[in-house]
């Protein structure tokens, strides 16, 4: 029988290192805090507003993504398809969508893992998660308000980790990568979309300045792949479009 949303939240609760309060349809480990960790810039602060979640999935994220990916990068739907292809979720798997926003990717993963699986959408913004819950989706979805850098899940609990368009906004991205590896099971898969600064001037200088203004870190091409290899990931693949990169791999 399909898992009810209440049951999905209970299953998520069993995976956490510490108990969480139940919010408006999601579990909450941040309580009254506006966010986990220090703000890194304008873009991150906008995520906590009440207006942005209402336009995020249909307008904001596709428009921003197109500006960063250029005319030949994947569409929003294309990103979801690529993330699912790289993670290869199977029926019964548990997939974690870090910085899930309003849950576009989480819903796709929830459909892919079937009635016996679990798709966890984690975000620090209460407004984003409230919108994600309102969007509905499979009964296999469970949302969590928590620190995306220091994940509160137990070690080796998920089969896949997705983090699209967020790593560059974390104050401690290397700590986040450590955390992603910790919660993955052996042979678990990861897929990331983040920034990719080009190597030649003057483009490199302009891209770095843009990152400073918006509060987004500009990673070098190849930097994320190297970080994943250092953490034991293999089969690394990299795709570049504009000033973005999609990097995927398998743990072990």
Foldseek 3Di string as FASTA:
>chain_A
DFAALVNLQVVVQVQFPDGFPDDDSATEDPPPDQFPDDFLFDVVVVLQDLPCLVCVPPHVVQVVVCVQQDPPDDGPVRVLVVQCVQQVAAAQFEEEEFQCFLPPNQQVNQVHNPRNHAREYEHQHPSRPVNNVVVDHGSRYHYYHDHLLQDRGAFQAGQEYEYEAPLQRDPCSLSNLVNRNRNHHAFGKYKYKFFAADDDPPSNVVVCVVCNNGSGHHDHVPPVVVSVVVQQWPPWDWDGGRGMIMIMTTHD
